[in-house]
Amino acid sequence: MEATATVEQLETEAQSLSAKVERLRREIAVMKQQLVPQLPIKDSVRVAGHAEFRAALEKVVSENRELLTRLAK
């Protein structure tokens, strides 16, 4: 019974993190659309790899990996 609850909790957490990833992707896409056309081409590469975006995505990806690892056990 306890294992089932844990699996359900992990699945819920995984869905929540997936939703966060999608939300961040949409936010990044909107920001790119707003910023990139205003910048020269060479600067658009810097926007695409902007540290804040990358850090936020890496955090969510890391959390997703942890959850998937826990689910696989």
C-alpha atoms as a PDB file:
ATOM      1  CA  MET A   1       0.000   0.000   0.000  1.00  0.00           C
ATOM      2  CA  GLU A   2       2.782   2.412   0.948  1.00  0.00           C
ATOM      3  CA  ALA A   3       4.723   1.616  -2.239  1.00  0.00           C
ATOM      4  CA  THR A   4       1.638   2.346  -4.340  1.00  0.00           C
ATOM      5  CA  ALA A   5       1.214   5.720  -2.652  1.00  0.00           C
ATOM      6  CA  THR A   6       4.882   6.502  -3.242  1.00  0.00           C
ATOM      7  CA  VAL A   7       4.633   5.574  -6.927  1.00  0.00           C
ATOM      8  CA  GLU A   8       1.520   7.708  -7.307  1.00  0.00           C
ATOM      9  CA  GLN A   9       3.272  10.600  -5.549  1.00  0.00           C
ATOM     10  CA  LEU A  10       6.304  10.266  -7.828  1.00  0.00           C
ATOM     11  CA  GLU A  11       4.101  10.116 -10.905  1.00  0.00           C
ATOM     12  CA  THR A  12       2.322  13.273  -9.752  1.00  0.00           C
ATOM     13  CA  GLU A  13       5.677  14.987  -9.150  1.00  0.00           C
ATOM     14  CA  ALA A  14       6.901  13.880 -12.585  1.00  0.00           C
ATOM     15  CA  GLN A  15       3.768  15.301 -14.240  1.00  0.00           C
ATOM     16  CA  SER A  16       4.222  18.543 -12.327  1.00  0.00           C
ATOM     17  CA  LEU A  17       7.845  18.823 -13.430  1.00  0.00           C
ATOM     18  CA  SER A  18       6.916  18.044 -17.020  1.00  0.00           C
ATOM     19  CA  ALA A  19       4.358  20.842 -16.875  1.00  0.00           C
ATOM     20  CA  LYS A  20       7.057  23.172 -15.511  1.00  0.00           C
ATOM     21  CA  VAL A  21       9.380  22.214 -18.368  1.00  0.00           C
ATOM     22  CA  GLU A  22       6.668  22.965 -20.923  1.00  0.00           C
ATOM     23  CA  ARG A  23       5.876  26.292 -19.236  1.00  0.00           C
ATOM     24  CA  LEU A  24       9.569  27.261 -19.275  1.00  0.00           C
ATOM     25  CA  ARG A  25       9.860  26.269 -22.931  1.00  0.00           C
ATOM     26  CA  ARG A  26       6.879  28.460 -23.808  1.00  0.00           C
ATOM     27  CA  GLU A  27       8.280  31.364 -21.778  1.00  0.00           C
ATOM     28  CA  ILE A  28      11.657  31.019 -23.484  1.00  0.00           C
ATOM     29  CA  ALA A  29      10.030  30.882 -26.917  1.00  0.00           C
ATOM     30  CA  VAL A  30       8.077  34.068 -26.179  1.00  0.00           C
ATOM     31  CA  MET A  31      11.193  35.819 -24.872  1.00  0.00           C
ATOM     32  CA  LYS A  32      13.177  34.753 -27.925  1.00  0.00           C
ATOM     33  CA  GLN A  33      10.459  36.053 -30.235  1.00  0.00           C
ATOM     34  CA  GLN A  34      10.519  39.366 -28.412  1.00  0.00           C
ATOM     35  CA  LEU A  35      14.301  39.711 -28.166  1.00  0.00           C
ATOM     36  CA  VAL A  36      15.885  37.959 -31.123  1.00  0.00           C
ATOM     37  CA  PRO A  37      14.372  40.059 -33.938  1.00  0.00           C
ATOM     38  CA  GLN A  38      15.738  43.192 -32.250  1.00  0.00           C
ATOM     39  CA  LEU A  39      19.302  41.890 -32.069  1.00  0.00           C
ATOM     40  CA  PRO A  40      21.940  41.353 -34.719  1.00  0.00           C
ATOM     41  CA  ILE A  41      22.313  37.686 -35.719  1.00  0.00           C
ATOM     42  CA  LYS A  42      25.538  37.194 -33.759  1.00  0.00           C
ATOM     43  CA  ASP A  43      23.784  38.333 -30.544  1.00  0.00           C
ATOM     44  CA  SER A  44      20.803  36.018 -31.027  1.00  0.00           C
ATOM     45  CA  VAL A  45      23.065  33.059 -30.269  1.00  0.00           C
ATOM     46  CA  ARG A  46      23.862  34.584 -26.892  1.00  0.00           C
ATOM     47  CA  VAL A  47      20.157  35.045 -26.145  1.00  0.00           C
ATOM     48  CA  ALA A  48      19.436  31.408 -27.016  1.00  0.00           C
ATOM     49  CA  GLY A  49      22.062  30.264 -24.496  1.00  0.00           C
ATOM     50  CA  HIS A  50      21.325  32.887 -21.865  1.00  0.00           C
ATOM     51  CA  ALA A  51      22.530  31.781 -18.440  1.00  0.00           C
ATOM     52  CA  GLU A  52      19.232  32.335 -16.624  1.00  0.00           C
ATOM     53  CA  PHE A  53      17.246  30.288 -19.138  1.00  0.00           C
ATOM     54  CA  ARG A  54      19.840  27.558 -19.158  1.00  0.00           C
ATOM     55  CA  ALA A  55      20.026  27.413 -15.345  1.00  0.00           C
ATOM     56  CA  ALA A  56      16.246  27.167 -14.988  1.00  0.00           C
ATOM     57  CA  LEU A  57      15.992  24.429 -17.595  1.00  0.00           C
ATOM     58  CA  GLU A  58      18.930  22.505 -16.162  1.00  0.00           C
ATOM     59  CA  LYS A  59      17.314  22.586 -12.721  1.00  0.00           C
ATOM     60  CA  VAL A  60      14.020  21.185 -14.018  1.00  0.00           C
ATOM     61  CA  VAL A  61      15.779  18.575 -16.160  1.00  0.00           C
ATOM     62  CA  SER A  62      17.848  17.516 -13.164  1.00  0.00           C
ATOM     63  CA  GLU A  63      14.709  17.193 -11.028  1.00  0.00           C
ATOM     64  CA  ASN A  64      13.033  15.146 -13.779  1.00  0.00           C
ATOM     65  CA  ARG A  65      16.042  12.833 -13.975  1.00  0.00           C
ATOM     66  CA  GLU A  66      15.947  12.313 -10.212  1.00  0.00           C
ATOM     67  CA  LEU A  67      12.253  11.470 -10.319  1.00  0.00           C
ATOM     68  CA  LEU A  68      12.681   9.083 -13.229  1.00  0.00           C
ATOM     69  CA  THR A  69      15.531   7.377 -11.388  1.00  0.00           C
ATOM     70  CA  ARG A  70      13.350   7.018  -8.306  1.00  0.00           C
ATOM     71  CA  LEU A  71      10.447   5.710 -10.402  1.00  0.00           C
ATOM     72  CA  ALA A  72      12.695   3.145 -12.068  1.00  0.00           C
ATOM     73  CA  LYS A  73      13.683   1.615  -8.720  1.00  0.00           C
END
